[in-house]
């Protein structure tokens, strides 16, 4: 089937996630048919550098011989068998490997088939745990999350969400949650907004400063102290709120959250779906502040970006609350058809071995430095680097943690005035990158770079150059400069 035929069928039948379909149909998006290393190839033979790790999950590249071989070997044995009352070899071996590598105390593994499902598992486990724990049952029914949180798109996970463009429509479906200020959000010039309100990271209202860590922690302490008797768990992306536009938390914040949750007997639920497996510079983000959560959720990079799989790890204390006679009602009645799928678990085991054998974490630290160096000009004062044509005057921030980068574009850097949403400036930058042979995604007017932790340094340099050039091209046509017309975007 040729490109034209495939595109017609795609437009006729496929509904793409997080995609404005009316615009998508006119943009001739690449139809990927092959991949090799860190490149994707479409039906027209064009190659694209995979600059966002195939939506933040790819670790080692595509068509990795060791992972391919592990999946083929498992195919010769069994592709799938249920974990409901049965077991399979790869899921057992993977559970043992995850327990060995994750922070101390996480000794039990419950599998699901995507990150959001893994979070749902964590929420239900925490909820039921309080009703069965050895210290005596408690009717705790609230979860705590951060402003601008994102933990998935199921009803349970959007109840913890705080990104208006994703979540506000579904308010009547959600259960109530307590929100505490993100220490990475900016204050408007007049001070903090009212508690529980949301600021748009991609469209700041006015120039301001970041929420002081002390202020964020003070409000955190007040909320936990007031509601501790009702809080079933505190859910957090450690160090970085990824889908909020790469919001980087200040050092020490996660550790303080751990201290407070332990003080009030609140399970700490660490969502490392996006930040795990080397993205922040260590295998798991929690390691950087020596934090051991009570529940840890892994997905995305778990299989190296090959197959859908999630793992929710819990402590023995939580697991033991579910033990008892079969008729006692303490069982965790939750599961998925493809829980612990042998093919996915085999891929995950192979990926973990490659992380060790190829010293991927050391490579991630090297490309972290490359990203910082190559993108530094965007954060410089406008007049200091005339070769950028003033592009940097429209970069509010370059936020980075490890290999995770968010470049926030605004109409005016001094006032933080956003671009009109109908200009779709962030999207136009990703289209310009695509024309230059790089695939990226934007979150509003935040351009997200997420190279695979194993990507070669020279490819990261290429990625950054394309991003700089693409930002310059789009902003030059966006009515930013005198005499330019915005309708060119």
Protein backbone atom coordinates (compact mmCIF):
# COMPACT_ATOMS: atom_id res chain seq x y z
CA UNK A 1 0.00 0.00 0.00
CA UNK A 2 1.50 3.37 -0.98
CA UNK A 3 1.71 6.57 1.13
CA UNK A 4 -1.37 8.12 -0.43
CA UNK A 5 -3.54 5.07 0.21
CA UNK A 6 -2.32 4.73 3.78
CA UNK A 7 -2.92 8.41 4.47
CA UNK A 8 -6.46 8.18 3.15
CA UNK A 9 -7.20 5.23 5.42
CA UNK A 10 -5.50 6.93 8.37
CA UNK A 11 -7.61 10.05 7.92
CA UNK A 12 -10.75 7.99 7.44
CA UNK A 13 -10.42 5.65 10.41
CA UNK A 14 -7.67 6.39 12.98
CA UNK A 15 -8.33 8.75 15.88
CA UNK A 16 -4.92 9.84 17.21
CA UNK A 17 -4.36 10.63 20.90
CA UNK A 18 -3.62 14.18 22.04
CA UNK A 19 -4.00 15.29 18.43
CA UNK A 20 -6.11 18.07 16.93
CA UNK A 21 -7.56 15.88 14.21
CA UNK A 22 -8.96 18.68 12.01
CA UNK A 23 -5.45 20.11 11.63
CA UNK A 24 -3.72 16.73 11.55
CA UNK A 25 -5.49 15.72 8.36
CA UNK A 26 -3.92 18.65 6.51
CA UNK A 27 -0.38 18.23 7.81
CA UNK A 28 0.69 15.00 6.08
CA UNK A 29 2.21 13.55 9.23
CA UNK A 30 4.88 10.91 8.58
CA UNK A 31 3.65 7.32 8.48
CA UNK A 32 6.45 5.37 10.14
CA UNK A 33 7.28 2.01 8.60
CA UNK A 34 10.82 1.32 9.80
CA UNK A 35 13.28 2.30 12.50
CA UNK A 36 16.96 1.77 13.11
CA UNK A 37 19.07 3.08 15.96
CA UNK A 38 17.74 6.50 16.85
CA UNK A 39 16.08 7.14 13.49
CA UNK A 40 12.55 6.57 12.21
CA UNK A 41 11.73 6.10 8.50
CA UNK A 42 8.42 6.93 6.84
CA UNK A 43 6.62 5.54 3.81
CA UNK A 44 8.37 8.07 1.55
CA UNK A 45 11.82 6.95 2.69
CA UNK A 46 12.50 10.06 4.80
CA UNK A 47 14.55 9.50 7.96
CA UNK A 48 13.85 11.38 11.19
CA UNK A 49 15.91 11.63 14.34
CA UNK A 50 13.72 10.45 17.22
CA UNK A 51 14.12 13.49 19.46
CA UNK A 52 11.50 12.55 22.04
CA UNK A 53 12.28 8.87 22.50
CA UNK A 54 9.00 7.81 20.87
CA UNK A 55 7.05 9.69 23.55
CA UNK A 56 9.62 9.36 26.33
CA UNK A 57 9.86 5.56 26.42
CA UNK A 58 12.76 4.54 24.18
CA UNK A 59 16.05 3.97 26.00
CA UNK A 60 18.52 2.22 23.68
CA UNK A 61 17.19 3.08 20.23
CA UNK A 62 15.16 1.00 17.78
CA UNK A 63 15.82 -2.53 16.52
CA UNK A 64 18.25 -3.23 19.34
CA UNK A 65 19.67 -6.72 18.64
CA UNK A 66 19.68 -7.88 22.27
CA UNK A 67 16.05 -6.86 22.91
CA UNK A 68 14.91 -8.20 19.54
CA UNK A 69 16.57 -11.53 20.34
CA UNK A 70 15.01 -11.71 23.81
CA UNK A 71 11.52 -11.21 22.38
CA UNK A 72 12.08 -13.75 19.59
CA UNK A 73 13.37 -16.29 22.09
CA UNK A 74 10.31 -15.80 24.26
CA UNK A 75 8.04 -16.08 21.20
CA UNK A 76 9.41 -19.56 20.66
CA UNK A 77 8.18 -20.50 24.14
CA UNK A 78 4.95 -18.65 25.00
CA UNK A 79 3.68 -15.19 23.98
CA UNK A 80 1.11 -14.80 26.72
CA UNK A 81 -0.32 -16.57 29.72
CA UNK A 82 -2.34 -15.02 32.52
CA UNK A 83 -0.95 -14.17 35.98
CA UNK A 84 -4.40 -14.68 37.51
CA UNK A 85 -3.60 -17.77 39.56
CA UNK A 86 -0.67 -18.77 37.32
CA UNK A 87 2.90 -17.56 36.90
CA UNK A 88 5.43 -17.18 34.10
CA UNK A 89 9.21 -17.17 34.13
CA UNK A 90 9.98 -13.68 32.70
CA UNK A 91 7.60 -11.92 35.09
CA UNK A 92 9.22 -13.63 38.08
CA UNK A 93 12.75 -12.79 36.95
CA UNK A 94 11.81 -9.20 36.19
CA UNK A 95 10.16 -8.71 39.57
CA UNK A 96 13.34 -9.89 41.29
CA UNK A 97 15.46 -7.52 39.14
CA UNK A 98 13.23 -4.55 39.89
CA UNK A 99 13.30 -5.23 43.62
CA UNK A 100 17.09 -5.43 43.46
CA UNK A 101 17.44 -2.09 41.65
CA UNK A 102 14.74 0.09 43.18
CA UNK A 103 15.00 1.93 46.53
CA UNK A 104 15.15 -0.27 49.63
CA UNK A 105 11.98 -1.75 51.02
CA UNK A 106 10.01 -2.17 47.79
CA UNK A 107 9.76 -5.95 47.74
CA UNK A 108 6.49 -6.74 46.00
CA UNK A 109 5.61 -6.12 42.33
CA UNK A 110 2.13 -5.81 40.80
CA UNK A 111 2.08 -5.64 37.00
CA UNK A 112 -0.21 -3.64 34.71
CA UNK A 113 -0.06 -2.76 31.02
CA UNK A 114 0.49 1.03 30.93
CA UNK A 115 1.52 3.87 33.21
CA UNK A 116 -1.97 5.14 33.96
CA UNK A 117 -3.06 1.62 34.87
CA UNK A 118 -0.05 1.38 37.19
CA UNK A 119 -1.16 4.57 38.95
CA UNK A 120 -4.70 3.21 39.28
CA UNK A 121 -3.23 0.12 40.91
CA UNK A 122 -1.35 2.31 43.38
CA UNK A 123 -4.45 4.35 44.26
CA UNK A 124 -6.59 1.29 44.90
CA UNK A 125 -3.86 -0.44 46.90
CA UNK A 126 -3.38 2.61 49.12
CA UNK A 127 -7.13 3.03 49.59
CA UNK A 128 -7.66 -0.60 50.57
CA UNK A 129 -4.48 -0.75 52.69
CA UNK A 130 -5.83 1.77 55.20
CA UNK A 131 -8.94 -0.32 55.71
CA UNK A 132 -6.94 -3.48 56.43
CA UNK A 133 -3.64 -2.38 58.01
CA UNK A 134 -2.38 -4.04 61.16
CA UNK A 135 -2.50 -0.83 63.22
CA UNK A 136 -6.25 -0.70 62.76
CA UNK A 137 -8.60 0.27 59.94
CA UNK A 138 -9.00 3.90 58.91
CA UNK A 139 -11.47 5.34 56.40
CA UNK A 140 -8.97 7.49 54.52
CA UNK A 141 -10.43 8.77 51.26
CA UNK A 142 -8.27 11.66 49.95
CA UNK A 143 -5.15 11.79 47.84
CA UNK A 144 -2.69 14.67 47.70
CA UNK A 145 -1.10 15.82 44.45
CA UNK A 146 0.74 18.86 43.10
CA UNK A 147 -0.52 21.81 41.12
CA UNK A 148 -0.18 21.00 37.43
CA UNK A 149 0.11 17.29 38.14
CA UNK A 150 -0.25 14.73 35.38
CA UNK A 151 -0.43 11.01 36.11
CA UNK A 152 -2.41 9.62 33.18
CA UNK A 153 -5.77 9.83 31.43
CA UNK A 154 -8.03 7.35 33.19
CA UNK A 155 -10.74 8.76 35.46
CA UNK A 156 -8.73 7.97 38.57
CA UNK A 157 -5.53 9.53 37.28
CA UNK A 158 -7.18 12.66 35.90
CA UNK A 159 -8.66 13.17 39.36
CA UNK A 160 -5.07 13.84 40.40
CA UNK A 161 -4.44 15.99 37.33
CA UNK A 162 -4.03 19.74 37.38
CA UNK A 163 -3.51 20.74 33.75
CA UNK A 164 -6.63 22.57 32.68
CA UNK A 165 -6.37 21.86 28.97
CA UNK A 166 -6.30 18.11 29.67
CA UNK A 167 -8.54 17.79 32.71
CA UNK A 168 -10.99 20.63 33.29
CA UNK A 169 -13.71 19.28 30.98
CA UNK A 170 -14.04 16.11 33.05
CA UNK A 171 -14.41 17.76 36.45
CA UNK A 172 -17.78 16.18 37.19
CA UNK A 173 -16.31 12.69 36.68
CA UNK A 174 -13.44 13.11 39.11
CA UNK A 175 -13.09 12.30 42.80
CA UNK A 176 -11.88 15.18 45.00
CA UNK A 177 -8.16 15.54 45.66
CA UNK A 178 -6.04 17.89 47.77
CA UNK A 179 -3.62 20.02 45.74
CA UNK A 180 -0.47 21.56 47.10
CA UNK A 181 1.63 24.18 45.29
CA UNK A 182 4.28 22.91 42.93
CA UNK A 183 7.63 24.38 43.97
CA UNK A 184 8.45 24.74 40.27
CA UNK A 185 5.56 27.02 39.27
CA UNK A 186 5.97 30.76 38.75
CA UNK A 187 4.20 33.34 40.84
CA UNK A 188 2.37 36.08 38.94
CA UNK A 189 3.68 39.55 39.71
CA UNK A 190 0.89 40.13 42.25
CA UNK A 191 1.65 37.02 44.32
CA UNK A 192 0.21 33.52 44.60
CA UNK A 193 -3.17 32.76 43.18
CA UNK A 194 -5.88 31.40 45.43
CA UNK A 195 -5.32 27.84 46.73
CA UNK A 196 -6.36 25.15 44.31
CA UNK A 197 -6.25 27.38 41.25
CA UNK A 198 -4.15 26.51 38.22
CA UNK A 199 -1.59 28.64 36.43
CA UNK A 200 -0.86 27.87 32.82
CA UNK A 201 2.79 27.00 32.52
CA UNK A 202 2.63 27.53 28.80
CA UNK A 203 0.90 30.89 29.01
CA UNK A 204 2.06 32.84 32.08
CA UNK A 205 -0.15 35.82 32.89
CA UNK A 206 2.60 38.20 33.88
CA UNK A 207 6.22 38.36 34.84
CA UNK A 208 6.94 36.81 38.20
CA UNK A 209 9.21 34.58 40.22
CA UNK A 210 9.05 30.93 41.11
CA UNK A 211 7.12 29.89 44.19
CA UNK A 212 9.69 30.00 46.99
CA UNK A 213 10.46 26.53 48.22
CA UNK A 214 9.81 27.67 51.80
CA UNK A 215 6.34 28.91 50.83
CA UNK A 216 5.51 25.73 48.96
CA UNK A 217 6.65 23.62 51.89
CA UNK A 218 4.73 25.73 54.42
CA UNK A 219 1.47 25.18 52.55
CA UNK A 220 2.35 21.51 52.12
CA UNK A 221 2.87 21.12 55.86
CA UNK A 222 -0.38 22.90 56.66
CA UNK A 223 -2.45 20.72 54.35
CA UNK A 224 -0.90 17.47 55.54
CA UNK A 225 -1.29 18.41 59.19
CA UNK A 226 -4.93 19.41 58.75
CA UNK A 227 -6.05 16.43 56.68
CA UNK A 228 -3.64 13.63 57.70
CA UNK A 229 -6.42 11.51 59.18
CA UNK A 230 -8.14 11.42 55.75
CA UNK A 231 -5.15 11.22 53.39
CA UNK A 232 -4.72 7.81 51.76
CA UNK A 233 -1.56 8.75 49.84
CA UNK A 234 0.61 11.53 48.44
CA UNK A 235 1.24 11.10 44.69
CA UNK A 236 4.22 12.87 43.14
CA UNK A 237 6.48 12.76 40.09
CA UNK A 238 9.90 12.91 41.75
CA UNK A 239 12.12 15.86 40.73
CA UNK A 240 10.32 16.72 37.46
CA UNK A 241 6.70 17.25 36.45
CA UNK A 242 7.12 16.09 32.87
CA UNK A 243 3.79 16.67 31.11
CA UNK A 244 3.41 20.03 32.85
CA UNK A 245 6.22 21.33 30.65
CA UNK A 246 9.32 19.88 32.38
CA UNK A 247 8.84 21.65 35.71
CA UNK A 248 11.97 20.97 37.76
CA UNK A 249 11.67 20.88 41.54
CA UNK A 250 14.33 22.50 43.73
CA UNK A 251 16.81 20.20 45.47
CA UNK A 252 15.56 18.88 48.77
CA UNK A 253 11.83 19.21 48.09
CA UNK A 254 11.26 15.50 47.53
CA UNK A 255 13.17 14.64 50.69
CA UNK A 256 11.01 17.06 52.68
CA UNK A 257 7.86 15.47 51.24
CA UNK A 258 9.16 12.09 52.38
CA UNK A 259 9.84 13.39 55.90
CA UNK A 260 6.37 14.86 56.23
CA UNK A 261 4.53 11.87 54.80
CA UNK A 262 6.41 9.59 57.17
CA UNK A 263 5.64 11.90 60.10
CA UNK A 264 1.90 11.76 59.38
CA UNK A 265 1.73 8.10 58.36
CA UNK A 266 0.85 8.90 54.74
CA UNK A 267 2.05 6.49 52.03
CA UNK A 268 4.32 8.26 49.53
CA UNK A 269 3.46 7.18 45.98
CA UNK A 270 6.27 7.98 43.53
CA UNK A 271 5.21 8.13 39.88
CA UNK A 272 8.45 7.47 37.98
CA UNK A 273 6.70 6.62 34.72
CA UNK A 274 8.35 9.49 32.84
CA UNK A 275 11.38 10.19 35.03
CA UNK A 276 12.67 6.66 35.57
CA UNK A 277 15.37 4.63 33.80
CA UNK A 278 18.05 7.29 33.53
CA UNK A 279 16.03 10.33 32.42
CA UNK A 280 17.12 12.41 35.41
CA UNK A 281 20.69 11.09 35.54
CA UNK A 282 20.15 8.16 37.91
CA UNK A 283 18.26 4.95 37.27
CA UNK A 284 15.41 6.25 39.43
CA UNK A 285 14.82 9.87 40.35
CA UNK A 286 14.17 9.04 44.02
CA UNK A 287 17.78 7.96 44.38
CA UNK A 288 19.03 11.52 44.06
CA UNK A 289 17.51 12.50 47.41
CA UNK A 290 17.90 9.09 49.05
CA UNK A 291 14.14 8.63 49.19
CA UNK A 292 12.39 5.28 49.47
CA UNK A 293 8.69 5.65 48.68
CA UNK A 294 6.05 3.29 49.97
CA UNK A 295 4.74 2.72 46.44
CA UNK A 296 6.71 3.17 43.20
CA UNK A 297 5.20 3.15 39.70
CA UNK A 298 7.28 2.33 36.61
CA UNK A 299 6.37 2.17 32.93
CA UNK A 300 7.44 3.86 29.65
CA UNK A 301 11.17 3.01 29.65
CA UNK A 302 10.61 -0.23 31.57
CA UNK A 303 10.77 -2.33 28.38
CA UNK A 304 13.25 -0.03 26.66
CA UNK A 305 10.37 1.42 24.64
CA UNK A 306 9.38 -1.87 23.03
CA UNK A 307 6.14 -3.11 24.59
CA UNK A 308 3.48 -1.82 27.01
CA UNK A 309 4.16 -2.78 30.62
CA UNK A 310 3.89 -1.16 34.04
CA UNK A 311 5.04 -2.26 37.48
CA UNK A 312 3.75 -0.97 40.80
CA UNK A 313 6.10 -1.84 43.64
CA UNK A 314 5.06 -1.75 47.30
CA UNK A 315 6.57 -2.41 50.71
CA UNK A 316 6.05 -5.58 52.71
CA UNK A 317 3.98 -3.61 55.22
CA UNK A 318 1.46 -2.65 52.57
CA UNK A 319 1.46 -6.10 50.95
CA UNK A 320 0.94 -7.87 54.28
CA UNK A 321 -2.29 -5.95 54.85
CA UNK A 322 -3.81 -7.93 51.98
CA UNK A 323 -3.01 -11.36 53.43
CA UNK A 324 -5.59 -13.53 55.14
CA UNK A 325 -7.98 -16.39 54.58
CA UNK A 326 -9.37 -16.45 51.03
CA UNK A 327 -12.87 -15.84 52.39
CA UNK A 328 -11.83 -12.88 54.59
CA UNK A 329 -12.23 -10.29 51.82
CA UNK A 330 -8.68 -8.98 52.03
CA UNK A 331 -7.73 -9.95 48.45
CA UNK A 332 -6.79 -7.19 46.03
CA UNK A 333 -9.45 -7.66 43.37
CA UNK A 334 -7.73 -5.94 40.48
CA UNK A 335 -6.03 -7.19 37.32
CA UNK A 336 -5.56 -6.88 33.59
CA UNK A 337 -5.69 -9.49 30.85
CA UNK A 338 -2.09 -8.85 29.79
CA UNK A 339 -0.69 -8.40 33.30
CA UNK A 340 2.91 -9.62 33.38
CA UNK A 341 2.94 -10.43 29.66
CA UNK A 342 5.98 -12.68 29.03
CA UNK A 343 7.08 -10.85 25.86
CA UNK A 344 7.05 -7.47 27.59
CA UNK A 345 8.84 -8.84 30.65
CA UNK A 346 11.50 -10.46 28.45
CA UNK A 347 12.06 -7.11 26.72
CA UNK A 348 12.35 -5.38 30.10
CA UNK A 349 14.93 -7.87 31.34
CA UNK A 350 17.01 -7.38 28.19
CA UNK A 351 16.76 -3.61 28.54
CA UNK A 352 17.95 -3.67 32.15
CA UNK A 353 20.95 -5.79 31.15
CA UNK A 354 21.83 -3.30 28.40
CA UNK A 355 21.67 -0.40 30.86
CA UNK A 356 24.44 -2.14 32.81
CA UNK A 357 26.48 -3.50 29.90
CA UNK A 358 26.54 -0.23 27.94
CA UNK A 359 26.81 2.03 31.01
CA UNK A 360 23.78 3.96 29.82
CA UNK A 361 23.61 6.08 32.97
CA UNK A 362 27.09 7.47 32.29
CA UNK A 363 26.06 8.24 28.74
CA UNK A 364 22.96 10.02 30.03
CA UNK A 365 25.16 12.27 32.14
CA UNK A 366 27.29 13.10 29.10
CA UNK A 367 24.35 14.05 26.94
CA UNK A 368 22.91 16.06 29.82
CA UNK A 369 26.01 18.24 29.55
CA UNK A 370 25.67 18.43 25.76
CA UNK A 371 22.05 19.58 26.05
CA UNK A 372 22.97 22.24 28.58
CA UNK A 373 25.84 23.54 26.47
CA UNK A 374 24.02 23.52 23.14
CA UNK A 375 20.84 25.13 24.45
CA UNK A 376 22.54 27.72 26.65
CA UNK A 377 22.37 30.43 23.94
CA UNK A 378 18.57 30.36 24.11
CA UNK A 379 18.69 31.52 27.72
CA UNK A 380 21.16 34.38 27.10
CA UNK A 381 20.09 38.04 26.96
CA UNK A 382 18.80 39.00 23.53
CA UNK A 383 21.57 41.45 22.68
CA UNK A 384 24.40 39.14 23.68
CA UNK A 385 23.93 36.72 20.80
CA UNK A 386 22.82 38.56 17.69
CA UNK A 387 23.40 35.48 15.55
CA UNK A 388 20.20 34.03 16.99
CA UNK A 389 18.28 36.91 15.46
CA UNK A 390 16.65 37.75 18.77
CA UNK A 391 15.12 34.29 19.17
CA UNK A 392 16.28 34.09 22.76
CA UNK A 393 14.24 37.20 23.61
CA UNK A 394 11.18 34.95 23.32
CA UNK A 395 12.45 32.08 25.46
CA UNK A 396 11.01 32.44 28.95
CA UNK A 397 12.98 29.52 30.36
CA UNK A 398 15.06 26.53 29.37
CA UNK A 399 14.22 23.98 32.04
CA UNK A 400 16.38 20.88 32.32
CA UNK A 401 16.88 17.89 34.55
CA UNK A 402 19.11 15.18 33.17
CA UNK A 403 18.06 14.42 29.59
CA UNK A 404 14.66 16.08 30.04
CA UNK A 405 14.36 19.60 28.60
CA UNK A 406 11.48 22.05 28.23
CA UNK A 407 11.95 25.29 26.25
CA UNK A 408 9.11 27.69 27.05
CA UNK A 409 8.34 30.22 24.32
CA UNK A 410 6.55 33.50 25.00
CA UNK A 411 5.70 36.57 22.98
CA UNK A 412 7.65 38.81 25.35
CA UNK A 413 10.38 37.53 27.63
CA UNK A 414 10.30 40.58 29.90
CA UNK A 415 6.58 40.47 30.67
CA UNK A 416 6.10 36.73 30.00
CA UNK A 417 3.20 37.59 27.73
CA UNK A 418 2.10 34.39 26.01
CA UNK A 419 1.55 33.93 22.31
CA UNK A 420 -2.12 33.81 21.26
CA UNK A 421 -3.11 30.14 21.43
CA UNK A 422 -4.47 30.23 17.88
CA UNK A 423 -0.94 30.85 16.58
CA UNK A 424 0.07 27.36 17.84
CA UNK A 425 3.68 28.51 18.03
CA UNK A 426 4.92 25.40 19.84
CA UNK A 427 3.28 23.14 17.27
CA UNK A 428 4.73 25.19 14.43
CA UNK A 429 8.20 24.66 15.89
CA UNK A 430 7.71 20.88 15.89
CA UNK A 431 6.59 21.05 12.25
CA UNK A 432 9.71 23.05 11.41
CA UNK A 433 11.81 20.41 13.19
CA UNK A 434 10.06 17.72 11.17
CA UNK A 435 10.98 19.48 7.92
CA UNK A 436 14.59 19.35 9.13
CA UNK A 437 14.38 15.63 9.89
CA UNK A 438 13.67 15.61 13.65
CA UNK A 439 10.55 14.34 15.43
CA UNK A 440 9.52 16.20 18.60
CA UNK A 441 6.34 16.94 20.56
CA UNK A 442 5.33 20.20 22.19
CA UNK A 443 3.18 20.86 25.23
CA UNK A 444 1.46 24.10 24.31
CA UNK A 445 4.30 26.53 23.68
CA UNK A 446 6.83 24.43 25.55
CA UNK A 447 9.14 22.49 23.22
CA UNK A 448 10.11 19.22 24.88
CA UNK A 449 13.40 17.49 24.09
CA UNK A 450 13.76 13.97 25.44
CA UNK A 451 16.61 12.14 23.71
CA UNK A 452 17.02 8.49 24.59
CA UNK A 453 19.54 8.06 27.43
CA UNK A 454 21.72 5.89 25.17
CA UNK A 455 21.76 8.34 22.23
CA UNK A 456 25.19 9.32 20.91
CA UNK A 457 26.47 12.78 21.78
CA UNK A 458 26.82 13.88 18.16
CA UNK A 459 23.14 13.13 17.54
CA UNK A 460 22.19 15.23 20.56
CA UNK A 461 24.21 18.11 19.09
CA UNK A 462 22.27 17.68 15.82
CA UNK A 463 18.98 17.63 17.73
CA UNK A 464 19.79 20.89 19.52
CA UNK A 465 20.90 22.62 16.32
CA UNK A 466 17.65 21.70 14.58
CA UNK A 467 15.62 22.95 17.54
CA UNK A 468 17.46 26.27 17.64
CA UNK A 469 17.04 26.75 13.88
CA UNK A 470 13.37 25.78 13.98
CA UNK A 471 12.57 28.15 16.83
CA UNK A 472 14.30 30.93 14.92
CA UNK A 473 12.37 30.18 11.74
CA UNK A 474 8.97 30.13 13.42
CA UNK A 475 9.46 33.17 15.60
CA UNK A 476 10.73 35.18 12.65
CA UNK A 477 7.39 34.52 10.95
CA UNK A 478 5.21 34.95 14.02
CA UNK A 479 4.89 38.70 14.13
CA UNK A 480 7.56 38.97 16.82
CA UNK A 481 9.65 41.49 14.94
CA UNK A 482 8.60 44.86 13.50
CA UNK A 483 7.17 44.48 10.01
CA UNK A 484 6.63 40.72 10.28
CA UNK A 485 3.15 39.24 9.86
CA UNK A 486 1.73 36.65 12.23
CA UNK A 487 -0.38 35.08 9.52
CA UNK A 488 2.77 33.53 8.10
CA UNK A 489 2.75 31.00 10.94
